């Protein structure tokens, strides 16, 4: 928004020239996201506690989690508002990339908020039924993939995705790309939700991916960088880096209160919206398979659940892990919650670096 408002002053006032530079706006987006998220979260916690809008801890979690009963939830509201404020102020909001990212954030945030509202305010244990959440995610995935399929950033990439570590070769899927993109949205959104089980775990991992895709979006919109790295040049995609940097800043503002011991949880409001937003960002940048690498911890968490459930059914009650998702297995193995979170963050950084390395090792 400020980009458009201050544009007439560029020629006459040197200071306003800063607003032309994407790097300056990225930093300001991150700063705005952090400050706004921090302020909203601080006041949101007071509001939620005052009205006793508190999380309902499930019975099928490690016993020590029962002590967290009463912690306010729906902190994802602060993250979403921080991202929106940072993006709307510092990005060119007319960019198709930015518009689609914002729409995704609002729609999935609304779905998650409804789920949290039903669980934690209306005291309905199941909240929004899982099938309705899946239907919503599938609908979003189909809409997003159809929009990109009909109006692709580059015609030759209409139904293709870029392969990591291999240059000048794309995986062409035809109309199957719509199904593929839908699976990315549904899978990523639920993977983040599954990982939101320890204080600061999901938030930290989301922040790592937000920084990663800030770099990816910026590089993808620079012809000189893409030519050197042999990756897809996507004109205008650099504006998406402001959305991503605002996400990174907003996550930090939330993590201030969500770190162990958490004063607030993000709830489905944050988990579903962050997962879907990261998925849609990767789809727009044609980096869906890179997301699979960079989000390796989320993949591990999801695979642990699938493996546990499958093995349990095949063996009539036997288990691979003490409990799934994977972070609960380590909890029941005796590791302290904060140590598990820190180690998963370290793994998250390593996976993110591997994703970025796929740009150069081609």
Protein backbone atom coordinates (compact mmCIF):
# COMPACT_ATOMS: atom_id res chain seq x y z
CA UNK A 1 0.00 0.00 0.00
CA UNK A 2 2.78 2.44 0.94
CA UNK A 3 4.46 1.50 -2.35
CA UNK A 4 1.59 3.12 -4.26
CA UNK A 5 0.99 6.04 -1.88
CA UNK A 6 4.61 7.19 -1.86
CA UNK A 7 5.36 6.53 -5.53
CA UNK A 8 4.85 10.20 -6.57
CA UNK A 9 7.60 11.28 -4.13
CA UNK A 10 10.35 9.03 -5.51
CA UNK A 11 11.77 11.54 -7.95
CA UNK A 12 11.81 14.57 -5.64
CA UNK A 13 12.74 13.06 -2.27
CA UNK A 14 15.71 10.70 -2.11
CA UNK A 15 14.53 9.13 1.15
CA UNK A 16 11.39 7.78 -0.50
CA UNK A 17 13.52 5.97 -3.06
CA UNK A 18 13.92 3.27 -0.41
CA UNK A 19 10.36 2.19 -1.05
CA UNK A 20 11.34 1.11 -4.55
CA UNK A 21 13.72 -1.55 -3.25
CA UNK A 22 12.30 -4.97 -2.56
CA UNK A 23 14.97 -5.74 0.06
CA UNK A 24 14.01 -2.68 2.12
CA UNK A 25 10.34 -3.60 1.93
CA UNK A 26 11.13 -7.19 2.91
CA UNK A 27 12.88 -6.02 6.08
CA UNK A 28 10.08 -3.59 6.91
CA UNK A 29 7.47 -6.29 6.25
CA UNK A 30 9.23 -8.62 8.70
CA UNK A 31 9.55 -5.83 11.29
CA UNK A 32 5.91 -4.80 10.93
CA UNK A 33 4.77 -8.42 11.12
CA UNK A 34 6.76 -8.96 14.31
CA UNK A 35 5.62 -5.78 16.09
CA UNK A 36 1.96 -6.15 15.14
CA UNK A 37 1.83 -9.87 15.96
CA UNK A 38 3.54 -9.25 19.32
CA UNK A 39 1.11 -6.47 20.26
CA UNK A 40 -1.97 -8.40 19.15
CA UNK A 41 -0.81 -11.57 20.90
CA UNK A 42 -0.10 -9.76 24.18
CA UNK A 43 -3.62 -8.30 24.27
CA UNK A 44 -5.25 -11.42 22.84
CA UNK A 45 -3.92 -13.50 25.73
CA UNK A 46 -5.47 -11.09 28.24
CA UNK A 47 -8.79 -11.17 26.38
CA UNK A 48 -8.89 -14.96 26.11
CA UNK A 49 -8.01 -15.43 29.77
CA UNK A 50 -10.60 -12.89 30.88
CA UNK A 51 -13.35 -14.76 29.02
CA UNK A 52 -11.96 -18.23 29.86
CA UNK A 53 -11.55 -19.14 26.20
CA UNK A 54 -9.04 -21.87 26.92
CA UNK A 55 -7.70 -24.90 25.08
CA UNK A 56 -9.26 -28.27 25.70
CA UNK A 57 -6.36 -30.76 25.96
CA UNK A 58 -7.12 -34.13 24.33
CA UNK A 59 -6.96 -37.23 26.51
CA UNK A 60 -4.82 -39.16 23.96
CA UNK A 61 -1.63 -37.18 24.64
CA UNK A 62 1.20 -37.71 27.15
CA UNK A 63 -0.03 -37.18 30.71
CA UNK A 64 2.24 -34.18 31.31
CA UNK A 65 0.23 -32.25 28.69
CA UNK A 66 -2.80 -32.26 30.96
CA UNK A 67 -1.04 -29.58 33.01
CA UNK A 68 -1.40 -27.27 30.00
CA UNK A 69 -5.19 -27.32 30.27
CA UNK A 70 -6.41 -23.74 30.53
CA UNK A 71 -3.76 -22.22 28.25
CA UNK A 72 -5.44 -19.75 25.86
CA UNK A 73 -5.62 -20.82 22.23
CA UNK A 74 -6.47 -19.16 18.88
CA UNK A 75 -3.12 -17.32 18.93
CA UNK A 76 -3.06 -17.87 15.18
CA UNK A 77 -5.20 -14.73 14.97
CA UNK A 78 -2.14 -12.67 15.93
CA UNK A 79 0.02 -14.39 13.31
CA UNK A 80 -2.54 -13.81 10.55
CA UNK A 81 -3.04 -10.15 11.45
CA UNK A 82 0.74 -9.62 11.62
CA UNK A 83 1.19 -11.11 8.14
CA UNK A 84 -1.67 -9.06 6.71
CA UNK A 85 -0.38 -5.82 8.20
CA UNK A 86 3.18 -6.39 6.98
CA UNK A 87 2.00 -7.41 3.50
CA UNK A 88 -0.63 -4.74 3.01
CA UNK A 89 1.73 -1.95 4.08
CA UNK A 90 4.87 -2.97 2.20
CA UNK A 91 3.93 -5.16 -0.78
CA UNK A 92 2.45 -4.24 -4.14
CA UNK A 93 -0.93 -5.64 -3.20
CA UNK A 94 -2.08 -5.63 -6.83
CA UNK A 95 0.34 -8.48 -7.57
CA UNK A 96 -1.50 -11.73 -8.46
CA UNK A 97 1.01 -13.62 -6.30
CA UNK A 98 0.22 -11.47 -3.25
CA UNK A 99 -3.54 -11.57 -3.82
CA UNK A 100 -3.63 -15.36 -3.98
CA UNK A 101 -1.46 -15.68 -0.87
CA UNK A 102 -3.70 -13.30 1.09
CA UNK A 103 -6.90 -15.04 -0.02
CA UNK A 104 -5.46 -18.41 1.02
CA UNK A 105 -4.40 -17.04 4.41
CA UNK A 106 -7.83 -15.55 5.16
CA UNK A 107 -9.92 -18.50 3.97
CA UNK A 108 -7.94 -21.19 5.79
CA UNK A 109 -7.52 -18.96 8.83
CA UNK A 110 -11.30 -18.57 8.94
CA UNK A 111 -11.78 -22.34 8.74
CA UNK A 112 -9.28 -22.90 11.53
CA UNK A 113 -10.88 -20.18 13.66
CA UNK A 114 -14.27 -21.85 13.30
CA UNK A 115 -12.74 -25.13 14.46
CA UNK A 116 -11.11 -23.47 17.49
CA UNK A 117 -14.32 -21.61 18.29
CA UNK A 118 -16.36 -24.81 18.33
CA UNK A 119 -13.77 -26.69 20.42
CA UNK A 120 -12.65 -24.11 22.92
CA UNK A 121 -15.59 -21.73 23.26
CA UNK A 122 -18.61 -23.91 22.45
CA UNK A 123 -16.88 -26.86 24.17
CA UNK A 124 -17.55 -29.30 21.33
CA UNK A 125 -14.66 -31.79 21.64
CA UNK A 126 -14.46 -32.59 17.92
CA UNK A 127 -14.78 -28.98 16.81
CA UNK A 128 -15.32 -28.68 13.08
CA UNK A 129 -15.57 -32.28 11.88
CA UNK A 130 -12.42 -33.52 10.16
CA UNK A 131 -14.26 -34.32 6.94
CA UNK A 132 -15.43 -30.72 6.58
CA UNK A 133 -11.88 -29.43 7.08
CA UNK A 134 -10.65 -31.85 4.41
CA UNK A 135 -13.43 -30.76 2.04
CA UNK A 136 -12.42 -27.13 2.55
CA UNK A 137 -8.74 -27.88 1.94
CA UNK A 138 -9.54 -29.88 -1.19
CA UNK A 139 -11.76 -27.08 -2.51
CA UNK A 140 -9.00 -24.53 -1.89
CA UNK A 141 -6.42 -26.76 -3.58
CA UNK A 142 -8.59 -27.22 -6.64
CA UNK A 143 -9.34 -23.49 -6.93
CA UNK A 144 -5.68 -22.49 -6.56
CA UNK A 145 -4.40 -25.09 -9.01
CA UNK A 146 -7.11 -24.23 -11.54
CA UNK A 147 -6.21 -20.53 -11.33
CA UNK A 148 -2.55 -21.30 -11.95
CA UNK A 149 -3.39 -23.85 -14.65
CA UNK A 150 -5.63 -21.39 -16.51
CA UNK A 151 -3.41 -18.35 -15.99
CA UNK A 152 0.15 -19.66 -15.43
CA UNK A 153 3.11 -17.32 -14.77
CA UNK A 154 4.72 -18.91 -17.86
CA UNK A 155 2.74 -20.83 -20.49
CA UNK A 156 5.23 -23.69 -20.65
CA UNK A 157 4.87 -24.20 -16.89
CA UNK A 158 1.10 -24.53 -16.93
CA UNK A 159 1.13 -28.12 -15.67
CA UNK A 160 4.75 -28.53 -14.60
CA UNK A 161 6.83 -28.42 -11.46
CA UNK A 162 10.55 -27.84 -11.13
CA UNK A 163 12.72 -30.79 -10.14
CA UNK A 164 15.26 -30.18 -7.34
CA UNK A 165 18.93 -30.88 -8.11
CA UNK A 166 18.21 -31.24 -11.86
CA UNK A 167 18.47 -28.27 -14.22
CA UNK A 168 16.33 -27.52 -17.27
CA UNK A 169 14.05 -30.52 -16.68
CA UNK A 170 10.47 -30.15 -15.47
CA UNK A 171 7.95 -32.76 -14.39
CA UNK A 172 5.01 -32.30 -16.78
CA UNK A 173 1.72 -33.66 -15.43
CA UNK A 174 -0.93 -32.36 -17.79
CA UNK A 175 -4.34 -32.05 -16.16
CA UNK A 176 -3.02 -34.23 -13.31
CA UNK A 177 -1.23 -31.13 -12.04
CA UNK A 178 -4.52 -30.02 -10.48
CA UNK A 179 -4.66 -33.22 -8.42
CA UNK A 180 -0.98 -32.86 -7.52
CA UNK A 181 -1.39 -29.26 -6.34
CA UNK A 182 -4.47 -30.16 -4.34
CA UNK A 183 -2.51 -32.91 -2.56
CA UNK A 184 0.24 -30.40 -1.75
CA UNK A 185 -2.27 -28.04 -0.11
CA UNK A 186 -4.10 -30.74 1.86
CA UNK A 187 -0.90 -32.56 2.84
CA UNK A 188 1.04 -29.49 3.98
CA UNK A 189 -1.88 -27.99 5.89
CA UNK A 190 -2.44 -31.20 7.85
CA UNK A 191 1.28 -31.85 8.33
CA UNK A 192 1.69 -28.51 10.09
CA UNK A 193 -1.39 -29.24 12.18
CA UNK A 194 0.00 -32.64 13.25
CA UNK A 195 3.28 -31.01 14.30
CA UNK A 196 1.60 -28.46 16.53
CA UNK A 197 1.91 -30.52 19.69
CA UNK A 198 4.79 -29.03 21.68
CA UNK A 199 5.40 -25.46 22.81
CA UNK A 200 7.05 -23.55 19.98
CA UNK A 201 7.59 -26.58 17.74
CA UNK A 202 5.31 -25.80 14.80
CA UNK A 203 5.87 -22.04 15.08
CA UNK A 204 9.64 -22.38 14.88
CA UNK A 205 9.47 -24.74 11.91
CA UNK A 206 7.04 -22.45 10.10
CA UNK A 207 9.38 -19.52 10.73
CA UNK A 208 12.29 -21.46 9.20
CA UNK A 209 10.25 -22.23 6.08
CA UNK A 210 9.01 -18.64 5.86
CA UNK A 211 12.60 -17.37 5.76
CA UNK A 212 13.48 -20.08 3.21
CA UNK A 213 10.68 -19.08 0.87
CA UNK A 214 11.49 -15.39 1.34
CA UNK A 215 14.82 -16.21 -0.30
CA UNK A 216 13.21 -18.43 -2.96
CA UNK A 217 10.59 -15.82 -3.93
CA UNK A 218 13.18 -13.04 -4.12
CA UNK A 219 15.62 -15.08 -6.21
CA UNK A 220 12.85 -16.38 -8.51
CA UNK A 221 11.90 -12.82 -9.41
CA UNK A 222 15.45 -11.78 -10.33
CA UNK A 223 16.51 -12.63 -13.90
CA UNK A 224 20.22 -12.35 -13.08
CA UNK A 225 20.00 -14.77 -10.14
CA UNK A 226 17.77 -17.28 -11.94
CA UNK A 227 20.08 -17.29 -14.97
CA UNK A 228 23.10 -17.98 -12.77
CA UNK A 229 21.36 -20.70 -10.75
CA UNK A 230 19.48 -22.25 -13.70
CA UNK A 231 16.11 -22.03 -12.00
CA UNK A 232 12.77 -20.79 -13.27
CA UNK A 233 12.46 -17.04 -13.72
CA UNK A 234 9.02 -15.88 -12.56
CA UNK A 235 8.51 -12.14 -13.24
CA UNK A 236 6.84 -10.41 -10.31
CA UNK A 237 7.31 -13.27 -7.85
CA UNK A 238 9.68 -11.12 -5.79
CA UNK A 239 6.63 -9.39 -4.28
CA UNK A 240 5.77 -12.71 -2.66
CA UNK A 241 8.98 -12.40 -0.64
CA UNK A 242 7.32 -9.59 1.34
CA UNK A 243 4.43 -11.87 2.26
CA UNK A 244 6.95 -14.53 3.34
CA UNK A 245 9.11 -12.11 5.33
CA UNK A 246 5.97 -10.75 7.02
CA UNK A 247 5.10 -14.35 7.93
CA UNK A 248 8.57 -14.85 9.41
CA UNK A 249 8.24 -11.67 11.47
CA UNK A 250 4.70 -12.50 12.63
CA UNK A 251 5.81 -15.98 13.69
CA UNK A 252 8.61 -14.48 15.80
CA UNK A 253 6.12 -12.14 17.47
CA UNK A 254 3.91 -15.12 18.30
CA UNK A 255 6.84 -17.33 19.35
CA UNK A 256 7.69 -14.72 22.00
CA UNK A 257 4.63 -16.01 23.89
CA UNK A 258 4.47 -19.56 22.49
CA UNK A 259 7.97 -20.66 23.55
CA UNK A 260 8.17 -23.07 26.48
CA UNK A 261 6.22 -22.78 28.71
CA UNK A 262 3.62 -21.49 26.27
CA UNK A 263 1.31 -18.66 27.27
CA UNK A 264 -0.84 -19.23 24.18
CA UNK A 265 -1.31 -21.85 21.46
CA UNK A 266 -1.76 -21.06 17.77
CA UNK A 267 -4.65 -23.53 17.44
CA UNK A 268 -6.04 -24.62 14.09
CA UNK A 269 -6.41 -20.92 13.28
CA UNK A 270 -2.65 -20.73 12.88
CA UNK A 271 -1.73 -24.29 11.92
CA UNK A 272 -4.16 -24.72 9.04
CA UNK A 273 -3.58 -21.24 7.62
CA UNK A 274 0.22 -21.40 7.84
CA UNK A 275 0.36 -24.84 6.25
CA UNK A 276 -1.96 -23.92 3.41
CA UNK A 277 -0.16 -20.61 2.80
CA UNK A 278 3.25 -22.32 2.56
CA UNK A 279 1.76 -24.88 0.17
CA UNK A 280 0.23 -22.25 -2.11
CA UNK A 281 3.47 -20.24 -2.07
CA UNK A 282 5.40 -23.32 -3.22
CA UNK A 283 2.82 -23.95 -5.95
CA UNK A 284 3.03 -20.39 -7.26
CA UNK A 285 6.83 -20.59 -7.30
CA UNK A 286 6.80 -24.07 -8.90
CA UNK A 287 8.82 -25.37 -5.94
CA UNK A 288 6.41 -27.99 -4.60
CA UNK A 289 9.08 -30.70 -4.49
CA UNK A 290 11.53 -28.33 -2.82
CA UNK A 291 8.91 -27.81 -0.09
CA UNK A 292 9.02 -31.58 0.46
CA UNK A 293 12.76 -31.31 1.17
CA UNK A 294 12.77 -28.03 3.11
CA UNK A 295 9.79 -29.14 5.20
CA UNK A 296 11.44 -32.46 6.04
CA UNK A 297 10.46 -32.36 9.72
CA UNK A 298 6.79 -31.96 8.79
CA UNK A 299 7.21 -34.94 6.45
CA UNK A 300 8.74 -37.00 9.26
CA UNK A 301 5.87 -36.15 11.60
CA UNK A 302 3.25 -37.06 9.00
CA UNK A 303 4.95 -40.30 7.96
CA UNK A 304 5.20 -41.35 11.61
CA UNK A 305 1.41 -41.05 11.98
CA UNK A 306 0.71 -42.92 8.73
CA UNK A 307 3.17 -45.68 9.63
CA UNK A 308 1.79 -45.99 13.16
CA UNK A 309 -1.83 -46.26 12.06
CA UNK A 310 -1.06 -48.67 9.20
CA UNK A 311 1.11 -50.96 11.36
CA UNK A 312 -1.45 -50.88 14.18
CA UNK A 313 -4.20 -52.10 11.83
CA UNK A 314 -2.03 -54.72 10.12
CA UNK A 315 -0.76 -56.26 13.37
CA UNK A 316 -3.93 -56.03 15.47
CA UNK A 317 -2.68 -53.46 17.93
CA UNK A 318 1.11 -53.46 17.77
CA UNK A 319 2.94 -50.13 17.52
CA UNK A 320 6.12 -48.84 15.90
CA UNK A 321 6.39 -45.76 18.11
CA UNK A 322 5.39 -45.22 21.71
CA UNK A 323 3.02 -42.58 20.38
CA UNK A 324 2.57 -40.64 17.13
CA UNK A 325 3.28 -38.01 15.88
CA UNK A 326 7.01 -38.51 16.31
CA UNK A 327 7.53 -35.73 18.87
CA UNK A 328 5.29 -37.58 21.35
CA UNK A 329 7.42 -40.73 20.90
CA UNK A 330 10.49 -38.84 22.08
CA UNK A 331 8.51 -37.29 24.94
CA UNK A 332 7.54 -40.73 26.21
CA UNK A 333 11.16 -41.83 25.77
CA UNK A 334 12.13 -39.37 28.50
CA UNK A 335 13.36 -36.31 26.57
CA UNK A 336 12.30 -32.92 27.88
CA UNK A 337 9.88 -30.98 25.69
CA UNK A 338 12.22 -28.03 25.11
CA UNK A 339 15.09 -30.36 24.07
CA UNK A 340 12.85 -32.09 21.50
CA UNK A 341 11.74 -28.73 20.11
CA UNK A 342 15.30 -27.42 19.83
CA UNK A 343 16.50 -30.56 18.08
CA UNK A 344 13.58 -30.51 15.67
CA UNK A 345 14.35 -26.86 14.90
CA UNK A 346 17.95 -27.85 14.15
CA UNK A 347 16.70 -30.55 11.79
CA UNK A 348 14.32 -27.99 10.26
CA UNK A 349 17.24 -25.65 9.51
CA UNK A 350 19.26 -28.50 7.97
CA UNK A 351 16.35 -29.54 5.73
CA UNK A 352 15.77 -25.90 4.73
CA UNK A 353 19.45 -25.53 3.78
CA UNK A 354 19.22 -28.73 1.73
CA UNK A 355 16.26 -27.22 -0.09
CA UNK A 356 18.22 -24.07 -0.86
CA UNK A 357 21.29 -26.08 -1.88
CA UNK A 358 19.15 -27.75 -4.55
CA UNK A 359 19.34 -24.39 -6.38
CA UNK A 360 23.09 -24.62 -6.84
CA UNK A 361 23.72 -28.38 -6.98
CA UNK A 362 22.10 -28.97 -10.36
